[in-house]
Amino acid sequence: ATKLAMGVVGAAAGVKTTEALAGIGDEAVLGPMDSILVFTKKGLGVQIDLRQIAGGRSRAIAMAQRMAARI
């Protein structure tokens, strides 16, 4: 649902708002302006808010990879 909602907002503005990330859980998406990372694994959904984290993109990807490996 989050991926769909982010895509609809971007489509309305004519901008690609999401980026699929390989290697994290069953499916992972990075949201608009690297503000959110959402991934699923074995039916569990995880959302990481990056708006207040300096260097959020790389840190969130590393964190999500570690989390997904433990699920």
PDB file of N, CA and C in Angstrom:
ATOM      1  N   ALA A   1       0.831  -1.191   0.000  1.00  0.00           N
ATOM      2  CA  ALA A   1       0.000   0.000   0.000  1.00  0.00           C
ATOM      3  C   ALA A   1       0.875   1.255   0.000  1.00  0.00           C
ATOM      4  N   THR A   2       1.967   1.220   0.764  1.00  0.00           N
ATOM      5  CA  THR A   2       2.857   2.383   0.820  1.00  0.00           C
ATOM      6  C   THR A   2       3.481   2.646  -0.536  1.00  0.00           C
ATOM      7  N   LYS A   3       3.926   1.588  -1.203  1.00  0.00           N
ATOM      8  CA  LYS A   3       4.537   1.729  -2.523  1.00  0.00           C
ATOM      9  C   LYS A   3       3.532   2.311  -3.503  1.00  0.00           C
ATOM     10  N   LEU A   4       2.298   1.839  -3.453  1.00  0.00           N
ATOM     11  CA  LEU A   4       1.259   2.339  -4.329  1.00  0.00           C
ATOM     12  C   LEU A   4       0.996   3.813  -4.058  1.00  0.00           C
ATOM     13  N   ALA A   5       0.868   4.186  -2.787  1.00  0.00           N
ATOM     14  CA  ALA A   5       0.595   5.579  -2.432  1.00  0.00           C
ATOM     15  C   ALA A   5       1.725   6.501  -2.867  1.00  0.00           C
ATOM     16  N   MET A   6       2.976   6.092  -2.664  1.00  0.00           N
ATOM     17  CA  MET A   6       4.104   6.925  -3.076  1.00  0.00           C
ATOM     18  C   MET A   6       4.149   7.063  -4.592  1.00  0.00           C
ATOM     19  N   GLY A   7       3.799   6.000  -5.298  1.00  0.00           N
ATOM     20  CA  GLY A   7       3.791   6.042  -6.757  1.00  0.00           C
ATOM     21  C   GLY A   7       2.714   6.949  -7.309  1.00  0.00           C
ATOM     22  N   VAL A   8       1.538   6.958  -6.678  1.00  0.00           N
ATOM     23  CA  VAL A   8       0.441   7.802  -7.127  1.00  0.00           C
ATOM     24  C   VAL A   8       0.798   9.267  -6.969  1.00  0.00           C
ATOM     25  N   VAL A   9       1.403   9.621  -5.852  1.00  0.00           N
ATOM     26  CA  VAL A   9       1.802  11.013  -5.620  1.00  0.00           C
ATOM     27  C   VAL A   9       2.809  11.439  -6.681  1.00  0.00           C
ATOM     28  N   GLY A  10       3.774  10.618  -6.958  1.00  0.00           N
ATOM     29  CA  GLY A  10       4.784  10.949  -7.956  1.00  0.00           C
ATOM     30  C   GLY A  10       4.220  11.028  -9.348  1.00  0.00           C
ATOM     31  N   ALA A  11       3.316  10.111  -9.688  1.00  0.00           N
ATOM     32  CA  ALA A  11       2.722  10.112 -11.021  1.00  0.00           C
ATOM     33  C   ALA A  11       1.939  11.391 -11.254  1.00  0.00           C
ATOM     34  N   ALA A  12       1.255  11.873 -10.230  1.00  0.00           N
ATOM     35  CA  ALA A  12       0.485  13.106 -10.354  1.00  0.00           C
ATOM     36  C   ALA A  12       1.395  14.294 -10.621  1.00  0.00           C
ATOM     37  N   ALA A  13       2.586  14.260 -10.059  1.00  0.00           N
ATOM     38  CA  ALA A  13       3.541  15.358 -10.244  1.00  0.00           C
ATOM     39  C   ALA A  13       4.465  15.113 -11.431  1.00  0.00           C
ATOM     40  N   GLY A  14       4.373  13.933 -12.047  1.00  0.00           N
ATOM     41  CA  GLY A  14       5.237  13.607 -13.177  1.00  0.00           C
ATOM     42  C   GLY A  14       6.662  13.285 -12.773  1.00  0.00           C
ATOM     43  N   VAL A  15       6.852  12.824 -11.524  1.00  0.00           N
ATOM     44  CA  VAL A  15       8.183  12.549 -10.989  1.00  0.00           C
ATOM     45  C   VAL A  15       8.218  11.121 -10.444  1.00  0.00           C
ATOM     46  N   LYS A  16       9.336  10.422 -10.645  1.00  0.00           N
ATOM     47  CA  LYS A  16       9.498   9.101 -10.043  1.00  0.00           C
ATOM     48  C   LYS A  16       9.844   9.304  -8.570  1.00  0.00           C
ATOM     49  N   THR A  17       9.010   8.765  -7.691  1.00  0.00           N
ATOM     50  CA  THR A  17       9.193   9.019  -6.263  1.00  0.00           C
ATOM     51  C   THR A  17       9.760   7.839  -5.500  1.00  0.00           C
ATOM     52  N   THR A  18       9.746   6.656  -6.085  1.00  0.00           N
ATOM     53  CA  THR A  18      10.230   5.479  -5.369  1.00  0.00           C
ATOM     54  C   THR A  18      11.390   4.834  -6.109  1.00  0.00           C
ATOM     55  N   GLU A  19      12.194   4.122  -5.358  1.00  0.00           N
ATOM     56  CA  GLU A  19      13.318   3.373  -5.921  1.00  0.00           C
ATOM     57  C   GLU A  19      13.305   1.981  -5.298  1.00  0.00           C
ATOM     58  N   ALA A  20      13.191   0.970  -6.136  1.00  0.00           N
ATOM     59  CA  ALA A  20      13.230  -0.405  -5.637  1.00  0.00           C
ATOM     60  C   ALA A  20      14.659  -0.733  -5.217  1.00  0.00           C
ATOM     61  N   LEU A  21      14.791  -1.411  -4.092  1.00  0.00           N
ATOM     62  CA  LEU A  21      16.100  -1.803  -3.575  1.00  0.00           C
ATOM     63  C   LEU A  21      16.199  -3.320  -3.574  1.00  0.00           C
ATOM     64  N   ALA A  22      17.194  -3.853  -4.223  1.00  0.00           N
ATOM     65  CA  ALA A  22      17.391  -5.301  -4.273  1.00  0.00           C
ATOM     66  C   ALA A  22      18.196  -5.759  -3.060  1.00  0.00           C
ATOM     67  N   GLY A  23      17.950  -6.989  -2.637  1.00  0.00           N
ATOM     68  CA  GLY A  23      18.758  -7.589  -1.583  1.00  0.00           C
ATOM     69  C   GLY A  23      18.311  -7.300  -0.170  1.00  0.00           C
ATOM     70  N   ILE A  24      17.141  -6.675  -0.018  1.00  0.00           N
ATOM     71  CA  ILE A  24      16.618  -6.414   1.325  1.00  0.00           C
ATOM     72  C   ILE A  24      15.247  -7.071   1.419  1.00  0.00           C
ATOM     73  N   GLY A  25      15.146  -8.137   2.191  1.00  0.00           N
ATOM     74  CA  GLY A  25      13.878  -8.816   2.381  1.00  0.00           C
ATOM     75  C   GLY A  25      13.281  -9.323   1.079  1.00  0.00           C
ATOM     76  N   ASP A  26      11.959  -9.467   1.076  1.00  0.00           N
ATOM     77  CA  ASP A  26      11.256  -9.921  -0.113  1.00  0.00           C
ATOM     78  C   ASP A  26      11.047  -8.781  -1.100  1.00  0.00           C
ATOM     79  N   GLU A  27      10.865  -7.586  -0.585  1.00  0.00           N
ATOM     80  CA  GLU A  27      10.702  -6.392  -1.420  1.00  0.00           C
ATOM     81  C   GLU A  27      11.064  -5.177  -0.575  1.00  0.00           C
ATOM     82  N   ALA A  28      11.775  -4.241  -1.170  1.00  0.00           N
ATOM     83  CA  ALA A  28      12.148  -3.022  -0.448  1.00  0.00           C
ATOM     84  C   ALA A  28      12.036  -1.822  -1.384  1.00  0.00           C
ATOM     85  N   VAL A  29      11.596  -0.709  -0.820  1.00  0.00           N
ATOM     86  CA  VAL A  29      11.398   0.513  -1.591  1.00  0.00           C
ATOM     87  C   VAL A  29      11.925   1.689  -0.785  1.00  0.00           C
ATOM     88  N   LEU A  30      12.642   2.562  -1.469  1.00  0.00           N
ATOM     89  CA  LEU A  30      13.099   3.818  -0.884  1.00  0.00           C
ATOM     90  C   LEU A  30      12.164   4.909  -1.384  1.00  0.00           C
ATOM     91  N   GLY A  31      11.634   5.696  -0.475  1.00  0.00           N
ATOM     92  CA  GLY A  31      10.621   6.690  -0.818  1.00  0.00           C
ATOM     93  C   GLY A  31      11.182   8.002  -1.315  1.00  0.00           C
ATOM     94  N   PRO A  32      10.297   8.974  -1.517  1.00  0.00           N
ATOM     95  CA  PRO A  32      10.665  10.270  -2.099  1.00  0.00           C
ATOM     96  C   PRO A  32      11.774  10.977  -1.320  1.00  0.00           C
ATOM     97  N   MET A  33      12.733  11.492  -2.043  1.00  0.00           N
ATOM     98  CA  MET A  33      13.857  12.244  -1.472  1.00  0.00           C
ATOM     99  C   MET A  33      14.534  11.485  -0.334  1.00  0.00           C
ATOM    100  N   ASP A  34      14.607  10.160  -0.460  1.00  0.00           N
ATOM    101  CA  ASP A  34      15.248   9.310   0.555  1.00  0.00           C
ATOM    102  C   ASP A  34      14.679   9.548   1.949  1.00  0.00           C
ATOM    103  N   SER A  35      13.352   9.775   2.033  1.00  0.00           N
ATOM    104  CA  SER A  35      12.733  10.108   3.313  1.00  0.00           C
ATOM    105  C   SER A  35      12.225   8.899   4.080  1.00  0.00           C
ATOM    106  N   ILE A  36      12.060   7.761   3.406  1.00  0.00           N
ATOM    107  CA  ILE A  36      11.498   6.588   4.052  1.00  0.00           C
ATOM    108  C   ILE A  36      12.003   5.334   3.339  1.00  0.00           C
ATOM    109  N   LEU A  37      12.255   4.290   4.104  1.00  0.00           N
ATOM    110  CA  LEU A  37      12.605   2.994   3.533  1.00  0.00           C
ATOM    111  C   LEU A  37      11.602   1.995   4.093  1.00  0.00           C
ATOM    112  N   VAL A  38      10.961   1.257   3.208  1.00  0.00           N
ATOM    113  CA  VAL A  38       9.960   0.271   3.595  1.00  0.00           C
ATOM    114  C   VAL A  38      10.375  -1.061   3.000  1.00  0.00           C
ATOM    115  N   PHE A  39      10.341  -2.129   3.823  1.00  0.00           N
ATOM    116  CA  PHE A  39      10.603  -3.450   3.266  1.00  0.00           C
ATOM    117  C   PHE A  39       9.705  -4.485   3.910  1.00  0.00           C
ATOM    118  N   THR A  40       9.521  -5.592   3.200  1.00  0.00           N
ATOM    119  CA  THR A  40       8.751  -6.713   3.720  1.00  0.00           C
ATOM    120  C   THR A  40       9.604  -7.970   3.666  1.00  0.00           C
ATOM    121  N   LYS A  41       9.362  -8.843   4.626  1.00  0.00           N
ATOM    122  CA  LYS A  41      10.014 -10.148   4.624  1.00  0.00           C
ATOM    123  C   LYS A  41       9.133 -11.100   5.425  1.00  0.00           C
ATOM    124  N   LYS A  42       8.797 -12.217   4.795  1.00  0.00           N
ATOM    125  CA  LYS A  42       7.960 -13.250   5.419  1.00  0.00           C
ATOM    126  C   LYS A  42       6.674 -12.674   5.998  1.00  0.00           C
ATOM    127  N   GLY A  43       6.062 -11.735   5.289  1.00  0.00           N
ATOM    128  CA  GLY A  43       4.786 -11.167   5.710  1.00  0.00           C
ATOM    129  C   GLY A  43       4.881 -10.054   6.735  1.00  0.00           C
ATOM    130  N   LEU A  44       6.073  -9.722   7.181  1.00  0.00           N
ATOM    131  CA  LEU A  44       6.277  -8.646   8.145  1.00  0.00           C
ATOM    132  C   LEU A  44       6.702  -7.385   7.402  1.00  0.00           C
ATOM    133  N   GLY A  45       6.053  -6.279   7.688  1.00  0.00           N
ATOM    134  CA  GLY A  45       6.412  -5.004   7.072  1.00  0.00           C
ATOM    135  C   GLY A  45       7.177  -4.130   8.036  1.00  0.00           C
ATOM    136  N   VAL A  46       8.241  -3.498   7.535  1.00  0.00           N
ATOM    137  CA  VAL A  46       9.070  -2.614   8.359  1.00  0.00           C
ATOM    138  C   VAL A  46       9.202  -1.272   7.648  1.00  0.00           C
ATOM    139  N   GLN A  47       9.020  -0.202   8.392  1.00  0.00           N
ATOM    140  CA  GLN A  47       9.129   1.146   7.849  1.00  0.00           C
ATOM    141  C   GLN A  47      10.170   1.906   8.660  1.00  0.00           C
ATOM    142  N   ILE A  48      11.138   2.503   7.964  1.00  0.00           N
ATOM    143  CA  ILE A  48      12.177   3.285   8.631  1.00  0.00           C
ATOM    144  C   ILE A  48      12.058   4.721   8.143  1.00  0.00           C
ATOM    145  N   ASP A  49      11.803   5.648   9.059  1.00  0.00           N
ATOM    146  CA  ASP A  49      11.674   7.072   8.737  1.00  0.00           C
ATOM    147  C   ASP A  49      13.069   7.690   8.733  1.00  0.00           C
ATOM    148  N   LEU A  50      13.467   8.270   7.609  1.00  0.00           N
ATOM    149  CA  LEU A  50      14.830   8.782   7.456  1.00  0.00           C
ATOM    150  C   LEU A  50      14.924  10.305   7.523  1.00  0.00           C
ATOM    151  N   ARG A  51      13.838  10.977   7.777  1.00  0.00           N
ATOM    152  CA  ARG A  51      13.833  12.437   7.670  1.00  0.00           C
ATOM    153  C   ARG A  51      14.760  13.133   8.655  1.00  0.00           C
ATOM    154  N   GLN A  52      15.073  12.521   9.765  1.00  0.00           N
ATOM    155  CA  GLN A  52      15.898  13.174  10.775  1.00  0.00           C
ATOM    156  C   GLN A  52      17.275  12.538  10.919  1.00  0.00           C
ATOM    157  N   ILE A  53      17.647  11.672   9.977  1.00  0.00           N
ATOM    158  CA  ILE A  53      18.926  10.963  10.072  1.00  0.00           C
ATOM    159  C   ILE A  53      19.895  11.522   9.036  1.00  0.00           C
ATOM    160  N   ALA A  54      21.020  12.061   9.505  1.00  0.00           N
ATOM    161  CA  ALA A  54      22.052  12.544   8.582  1.00  0.00           C
ATOM    162  C   ALA A  54      22.641  11.348   7.838  1.00  0.00           C
ATOM    163  N   GLY A  55      22.820  11.476   6.528  1.00  0.00           N
ATOM    164  CA  GLY A  55      23.325  10.353   5.729  1.00  0.00           C
ATOM    165  C   GLY A  55      22.348   9.203   5.753  1.00  0.00           C
ATOM    166  N   GLY A  56      21.064   9.525   5.792  1.00  0.00           N
ATOM    167  CA  GLY A  56      20.022   8.547   5.998  1.00  0.00           C
ATOM    168  C   GLY A  56      19.983   7.406   5.013  1.00  0.00           C
ATOM    169  N   ARG A  57      20.212   7.676   3.745  1.00  0.00           N
ATOM    170  CA  ARG A  57      20.093   6.638   2.727  1.00  0.00           C
ATOM    171  C   ARG A  57      21.023   5.456   3.005  1.00  0.00           C
ATOM    172  N   SER A  58      22.289   5.700   3.098  1.00  0.00           N
ATOM    173  CA  SER A  58      23.241   4.598   3.281  1.00  0.00           C
ATOM    174  C   SER A  58      23.083   3.937   4.647  1.00  0.00           C
ATOM    175  N   ARG A  59      22.804   4.723   5.661  1.00  0.00           N
ATOM    176  CA  ARG A  59      22.629   4.161   6.998  1.00  0.00           C
ATOM    177  C   ARG A  59      21.365   3.311   7.080  1.00  0.00           C
ATOM    178  N   ALA A  60      20.289   3.762   6.440  1.00  0.00           N
ATOM    179  CA  ALA A  60      19.038   3.010   6.469  1.00  0.00           C
ATOM    180  C   ALA A  60      19.150   1.713   5.680  1.00  0.00           C
ATOM    181  N   ILE A  61      19.824   1.741   4.550  1.00  0.00           N
ATOM    182  CA  ILE A  61      20.012   0.521   3.766  1.00  0.00           C
ATOM    183  C   ILE A  61      20.794  -0.500   4.579  1.00  0.00           C
ATOM    184  N   ALA A  62      21.863  -0.076   5.231  1.00  0.00           N
ATOM    185  CA  ALA A  62      22.657  -0.987   6.063  1.00  0.00           C
ATOM    186  C   ALA A  62      21.821  -1.524   7.220  1.00  0.00           C
ATOM    187  N   MET A  63      21.036  -0.674   7.851  1.00  0.00           N
ATOM    188  CA  MET A  63      20.189  -1.086   8.964  1.00  0.00           C
ATOM    189  C   MET A  63      19.127  -2.081   8.486  1.00  0.00           C
ATOM    190  N   ALA A  64      18.492  -1.804   7.361  1.00  0.00           N
ATOM    191  CA  ALA A  64      17.463  -2.691   6.824  1.00  0.00           C
ATOM    192  C   ALA A  64      18.043  -4.056   6.447  1.00  0.00           C
ATOM    193  N   GLN A  65      19.240  -4.070   5.889  1.00  0.00           N
ATOM    194  CA  GLN A  65      19.884  -5.339   5.546  1.00  0.00           C
ATOM    195  C   GLN A  65      20.138  -6.173   6.798  1.00  0.00           C
ATOM    196  N   ARG A  66      20.600  -5.538   7.873  1.00  0.00           N
ATOM    197  CA  ARG A  66      20.839  -6.260   9.121  1.00  0.00           C
ATOM    198  C   ARG A  66      19.529  -6.765   9.720  1.00  0.00           C
ATOM    199  N   MET A  67      18.495  -5.936   9.694  1.00  0.00           N
ATOM    200  CA  MET A  67      17.206  -6.329  10.243  1.00  0.00           C
ATOM    201  C   MET A  67      16.616  -7.499   9.449  1.00  0.00           C
ATOM    202  N   ALA A  68      16.620  -7.388   8.129  1.00  0.00           N
ATOM    203  CA  ALA A  68      16.040  -8.425   7.277  1.00  0.00           C
ATOM    204  C   ALA A  68      16.754  -9.760   7.460  1.00  0.00           C
ATOM    205  N   ALA A  69      18.053  -9.715   7.689  1.00  0.00           N
ATOM    206  CA  ALA A  69      18.811 -10.953   7.875  1.00  0.00           C
ATOM    207  C   ALA A  69      18.391 -11.687   9.152  1.00  0.00           C
ATOM    208  N   ARG A  70      17.833 -10.963  10.109  1.00  0.00           N
ATOM    209  CA  ARG A  70      17.448 -11.556  11.385  1.00  0.00           C
ATOM    210  C   ARG A  70      15.971 -11.958  11.454  1.00  0.00           C
ATOM    211  N   ILE A  71      15.235 -11.670  10.413  1.00  0.00           N
ATOM    212  CA  ILE A  71      13.802 -12.012  10.405  1.00  0.00           C
ATOM    213  C   ILE A  71      13.627 -13.410   9.849  1.00  0.00           C
TER     214      ILE A  71
END
